[in-house]
Amino acid sequence: MDFLYILDEHYNNYDFLYLENLNFDYVSAQVILFTDKQDWLMVFQVVGVEQEGPQTDVYYYSSKKEVGFGIVTLDTIQLQNWSYDGLPKESLYKGEVIILGQLYKYHFNREQYSRFNMDVNSEAAYTTHVLRVIKEVLKPSFFITPEELLATCNVGENWQHFYSTNAWQHTEVEDVPPSENIFFHSLHAALVHENPNLIQVGTVNTNWHNWTEYDFDQQKSWELSMEEEK
């Protein structure tokens, strides 16, 4: 199946999914594993904020050569009052968001942001803050269905759902490769033995709290620190 070999290869080429990078503030993720006889397809859905606003990125990896690897960007989140200039401060506290076609109305207060250690005066983080609090408080469904995923990735229809989760131990940049990560290593064992009960999620780290070091507002802080040092 070459599962771990393929994942490690993408990890070493820096095109494996990383939940934290300079161009993306992470909010939530899901992984789904499909099988088709001896082949496998692993798909991540990752919700977050880029400079262009909220979006969902789909990363897929497969043992089938004709499928291989790809990234698809989905416009599944429309946040009221968002523009390329960002989000106005008043939208931190009251507004509307459409996620996968469903309308959610929210009313938050300063204490809710404080509870999650969020600085409401950090303009660069307004969009990220709102989406993260929406995730924690409203708990919306962010992810399209397995069937929609297969159609989105254009990988064929013969795949069978094998396993999915929103909580697992993900590997970090310049950490250990997937082959040395307990979760991905157990996925390999589960595929070989055709038994999802063998999967071990490891020490779950997919909550956004664990991936904030490179957030946009942190980068602003770095810039200010560098200016002060000059």
Protein backbone atom coordinates (compact mmCIF):
# COMPACT_ATOMS: atom_id res chain seq x y z
CA MET A 1 0.00 0.00 0.00
CA ASP A 2 3.01 2.30 0.52
CA PHE A 3 0.89 4.40 2.90
CA LEU A 4 3.64 5.66 5.20
CA TYR A 5 6.19 5.95 2.40
CA ILE A 6 3.87 8.22 0.40
CA LEU A 7 3.01 10.38 3.41
CA ASP A 8 6.67 10.74 4.39
CA GLU A 9 7.54 11.71 0.84
CA HIS A 10 5.00 14.54 0.93
CA TYR A 11 6.18 15.54 4.40
CA ASN A 12 9.79 15.78 3.18
CA ASN A 13 8.63 17.79 0.14
CA TYR A 14 6.71 20.20 2.41
CA ASP A 15 3.39 19.49 0.74
CA PHE A 16 1.96 17.43 3.57
CA LEU A 17 -0.78 19.20 5.49
CA TYR A 18 0.54 21.57 8.17
CA LEU A 19 -2.01 23.07 10.52
CA GLU A 20 0.13 26.12 11.19
CA ASN A 21 1.89 28.38 8.73
CA LEU A 22 2.51 32.04 8.03
CA ASN A 23 -0.29 32.30 5.45
CA PHE A 24 -3.10 30.59 7.31
CA ASP A 25 -4.76 30.96 10.73
CA TYR A 26 -6.09 27.52 11.60
CA VAL A 27 -9.60 26.95 13.02
CA SER A 28 -10.64 23.32 12.58
CA ALA A 29 -9.88 20.16 10.62
CA GLN A 30 -11.15 16.72 9.71
CA VAL A 31 -9.50 13.68 8.15
CA ILE A 32 -11.33 10.98 6.19
CA LEU A 33 -9.81 7.74 4.94
CA PHE A 34 -11.34 5.88 1.99
CA THR A 35 -10.44 2.53 0.47
CA ASP A 36 -10.97 0.92 -2.93
CA LYS A 37 -9.79 -2.71 -2.84
CA GLN A 38 -6.03 -2.40 -2.20
CA ASP A 39 -5.90 1.38 -2.71
CA TRP A 40 -6.45 4.17 -0.22
CA LEU A 41 -7.37 7.84 -0.32
CA MET A 42 -6.81 10.19 2.62
CA VAL A 43 -8.57 13.57 2.59
CA PHE A 44 -8.15 16.47 5.00
CA GLN A 45 -10.59 19.35 5.25
CA VAL A 46 -9.01 22.36 6.94
CA VAL A 47 -10.94 25.49 7.92
CA GLY A 48 -9.13 28.73 8.58
CA VAL A 49 -8.39 32.28 7.54
CA GLU A 50 -6.05 33.45 4.79
CA GLN A 51 -5.33 37.00 3.66
CA GLU A 52 -8.25 36.57 1.25
CA GLY A 53 -10.58 35.70 4.11
CA PRO A 54 -12.18 32.55 5.54
CA GLN A 55 -11.86 29.39 3.48
CA THR A 56 -11.71 25.62 3.54
CA ASP A 57 -8.76 23.83 1.96
CA VAL A 58 -9.03 20.19 0.94
CA TYR A 59 -5.79 18.19 0.78
CA TYR A 60 -5.90 14.68 -0.64
CA TYR A 61 -3.31 11.91 -0.97
CA SER A 62 -3.74 8.51 -2.58
CA SER A 63 -1.94 5.31 -3.52
CA LYS A 64 -3.63 5.49 -6.93
CA LYS A 65 -1.20 7.14 -9.33
CA GLU A 66 -4.01 8.70 -11.38
CA VAL A 67 -5.25 10.42 -8.18
CA GLY A 68 -1.93 11.17 -6.46
CA PHE A 69 -1.99 14.44 -4.54
CA GLY A 70 -3.96 17.65 -4.81
CA ILE A 71 -5.32 20.72 -3.04
CA VAL A 72 -8.76 22.21 -3.62
CA THR A 73 -9.96 25.49 -2.11
CA LEU A 74 -13.64 25.85 -1.19
CA ASP A 75 -15.60 29.01 -0.48
CA THR A 76 -17.86 27.53 2.21
CA ILE A 77 -17.88 30.41 4.72
CA GLN A 78 -19.38 33.86 4.16
CA LEU A 79 -18.86 36.19 7.09
CA GLN A 80 -21.09 39.28 7.22
CA ASN A 81 -19.24 42.59 6.83
CA TRP A 82 -15.96 40.92 5.90
CA SER A 83 -13.95 42.69 3.16
CA TYR A 84 -10.38 42.63 1.91
CA ASP A 85 -9.71 45.34 4.49
CA GLY A 86 -10.67 42.85 7.18
CA LEU A 87 -13.55 42.72 9.65
CA PRO A 88 -14.85 45.78 11.53
CA LYS A 89 -14.51 45.59 15.30
CA GLU A 90 -18.26 45.68 15.91
CA SER A 91 -18.54 42.39 14.03
CA LEU A 92 -16.62 40.71 16.84
CA TYR A 93 -19.74 40.99 18.97
CA LYS A 94 -22.73 40.72 16.67
CA GLY A 95 -23.22 39.44 13.16
CA GLU A 96 -24.11 36.63 10.84
CA VAL A 97 -22.16 33.91 9.10
CA ILE A 98 -23.20 31.42 6.43
CA ILE A 99 -21.43 28.06 6.67
CA LEU A 100 -22.20 25.43 4.05
CA GLY A 101 -25.36 27.35 3.15
CA GLN A 102 -26.68 27.52 6.71
CA LEU A 103 -27.15 30.88 8.41
CA TYR A 104 -25.85 31.37 11.95
CA LYS A 105 -26.44 34.53 13.99
CA TYR A 106 -24.09 35.31 16.85
CA HIS A 107 -23.94 37.64 19.84
CA PHE A 108 -20.63 37.48 21.70
CA ASN A 109 -19.17 39.59 24.47
CA ARG A 110 -15.70 40.65 25.56
CA GLU A 111 -15.60 38.01 28.32
CA GLN A 112 -16.03 35.21 25.80
CA TYR A 113 -12.98 36.38 23.89
CA SER A 114 -11.02 36.75 27.13
CA ARG A 115 -11.92 33.17 28.04
CA PHE A 116 -10.04 32.03 24.94
CA ASN A 117 -7.12 34.43 25.55
CA MET A 118 -8.01 36.56 22.54
CA ASP A 119 -7.00 40.21 22.27
CA VAL A 120 -10.04 42.14 20.98
CA ASN A 121 -7.78 45.09 20.15
CA SER A 122 -5.71 43.10 17.67
CA GLU A 123 -7.23 44.16 14.35
CA ALA A 124 -5.21 41.61 12.35
CA ALA A 125 -6.94 38.80 14.25
CA TYR A 126 -10.59 39.89 14.13
CA THR A 127 -11.66 37.39 11.45
CA THR A 128 -9.70 34.56 13.07
CA HIS A 129 -11.07 35.38 16.53
CA VAL A 130 -14.68 35.41 15.33
CA LEU A 131 -14.39 32.09 13.51
CA ARG A 132 -12.68 30.41 16.45
CA VAL A 133 -15.32 31.60 18.91
CA ILE A 134 -18.05 30.56 16.48
CA LYS A 135 -16.47 27.10 16.44
CA GLU A 136 -16.33 26.88 20.23
CA VAL A 137 -19.71 28.43 21.04
CA LEU A 138 -22.03 27.71 18.11
CA LYS A 139 -20.33 24.42 17.12
CA PRO A 140 -21.41 24.55 13.47
CA SER A 141 -20.83 21.83 10.91
CA PHE A 142 -17.83 23.07 8.88
CA PHE A 143 -17.23 20.03 6.67
CA ILE A 144 -18.81 18.76 3.49
CA THR A 145 -19.92 15.13 3.33
CA PRO A 146 -17.70 12.24 2.17
CA GLU A 147 -19.71 11.99 -1.03
CA GLU A 148 -19.27 15.71 -1.71
CA LEU A 149 -15.56 15.37 -0.99
CA LEU A 150 -15.11 12.66 -3.61
CA ALA A 151 -16.92 14.78 -6.18
CA THR A 152 -14.94 17.90 -5.21
CA CYS A 153 -11.61 16.10 -5.59
CA ASN A 154 -12.76 14.41 -8.82
CA VAL A 155 -11.25 11.09 -7.74
CA GLY A 156 -14.00 8.70 -8.82
CA GLU A 157 -16.98 7.18 -7.05
CA ASN A 158 -15.81 3.67 -6.07
CA TRP A 159 -14.24 4.69 -2.77
CA GLN A 160 -15.65 3.29 0.47
CA HIS A 161 -15.58 5.24 3.71
CA PHE A 162 -13.13 3.55 6.10
CA TYR A 163 -12.56 6.03 8.93
CA SER A 164 -12.97 9.69 9.87
CA THR A 165 -12.23 11.93 12.84
CA ASN A 166 -11.89 15.57 13.87
CA ALA A 167 -9.46 14.80 16.69
CA TRP A 168 -6.04 13.21 16.30
CA GLN A 169 -2.33 13.75 16.91
CA HIS A 170 -1.11 15.65 13.88
CA THR A 171 2.54 15.99 12.99
CA GLU A 172 4.25 19.38 13.00
CA VAL A 173 6.69 21.05 10.64
CA GLU A 174 10.21 19.75 11.29
CA ASP A 175 8.85 17.36 13.90
CA VAL A 176 8.64 13.62 13.27
CA PRO A 177 7.47 12.36 9.86
CA PRO A 178 4.07 10.64 9.60
CA SER A 179 5.73 7.20 9.75
CA GLU A 180 6.87 8.02 13.31
CA ASN A 181 3.56 9.56 14.37
CA ILE A 182 1.36 7.19 16.37
CA PHE A 183 -1.84 8.19 14.58
CA PHE A 184 -0.61 7.81 11.01
CA HIS A 185 1.35 4.68 11.91
CA SER A 186 -1.83 3.13 13.30
CA LEU A 187 -3.77 4.15 10.18
CA HIS A 188 -1.30 2.08 8.20
CA ALA A 189 -1.84 -0.93 10.46
CA ALA A 190 -5.62 -0.51 10.20
CA LEU A 191 -5.43 -0.48 6.40
CA VAL A 192 -3.19 -3.55 6.24
CA HIS A 193 -5.48 -5.53 8.54
CA GLU A 194 -8.69 -3.91 7.26
CA ASN A 195 -9.62 -3.10 10.84
CA PRO A 196 -10.32 0.54 11.89
CA ASN A 197 -10.38 -0.61 15.53
CA LEU A 198 -6.57 -0.63 15.38
CA ILE A 199 -6.44 3.15 14.98
CA GLN A 200 -4.95 5.14 17.85
CA VAL A 201 -5.58 8.89 17.79
CA GLY A 202 -2.55 9.53 20.01
CA THR A 203 -2.25 12.76 22.00
CA VAL A 204 -4.91 14.87 20.31
CA ASN A 205 -3.61 18.28 19.22
CA THR A 206 -6.01 19.37 16.47
CA ASN A 207 -7.70 22.06 18.55
CA TRP A 208 -6.74 25.52 17.26
CA HIS A 209 -5.29 26.42 20.70
CA ASN A 210 -2.24 24.35 19.76
CA TRP A 211 -1.53 26.17 16.48
CA THR A 212 -1.39 29.91 17.14
CA GLU A 213 2.33 30.71 17.09
CA TYR A 214 2.26 31.97 13.50
CA ASP A 215 -1.13 33.69 13.56
CA PHE A 216 -1.41 36.96 11.68
CA ASP A 217 -1.60 39.01 14.87
CA GLN A 218 1.55 37.30 16.17
CA GLN A 219 3.33 38.27 12.96
CA LYS A 220 2.28 41.88 13.54
CA SER A 221 3.85 41.65 17.01
CA TRP A 222 7.09 40.37 15.48
CA GLU A 223 7.13 43.32 13.05
CA LEU A 224 6.63 45.80 15.88
CA SER A 225 9.39 44.17 17.94
CA MET A 226 11.79 44.36 15.00
CA GLU A 227 10.93 48.01 14.47
CA GLU A 228 11.63 48.77 18.13
CA GLU A 229 15.02 47.03 17.92
CA LYS A 230 16.17 49.20 15.01
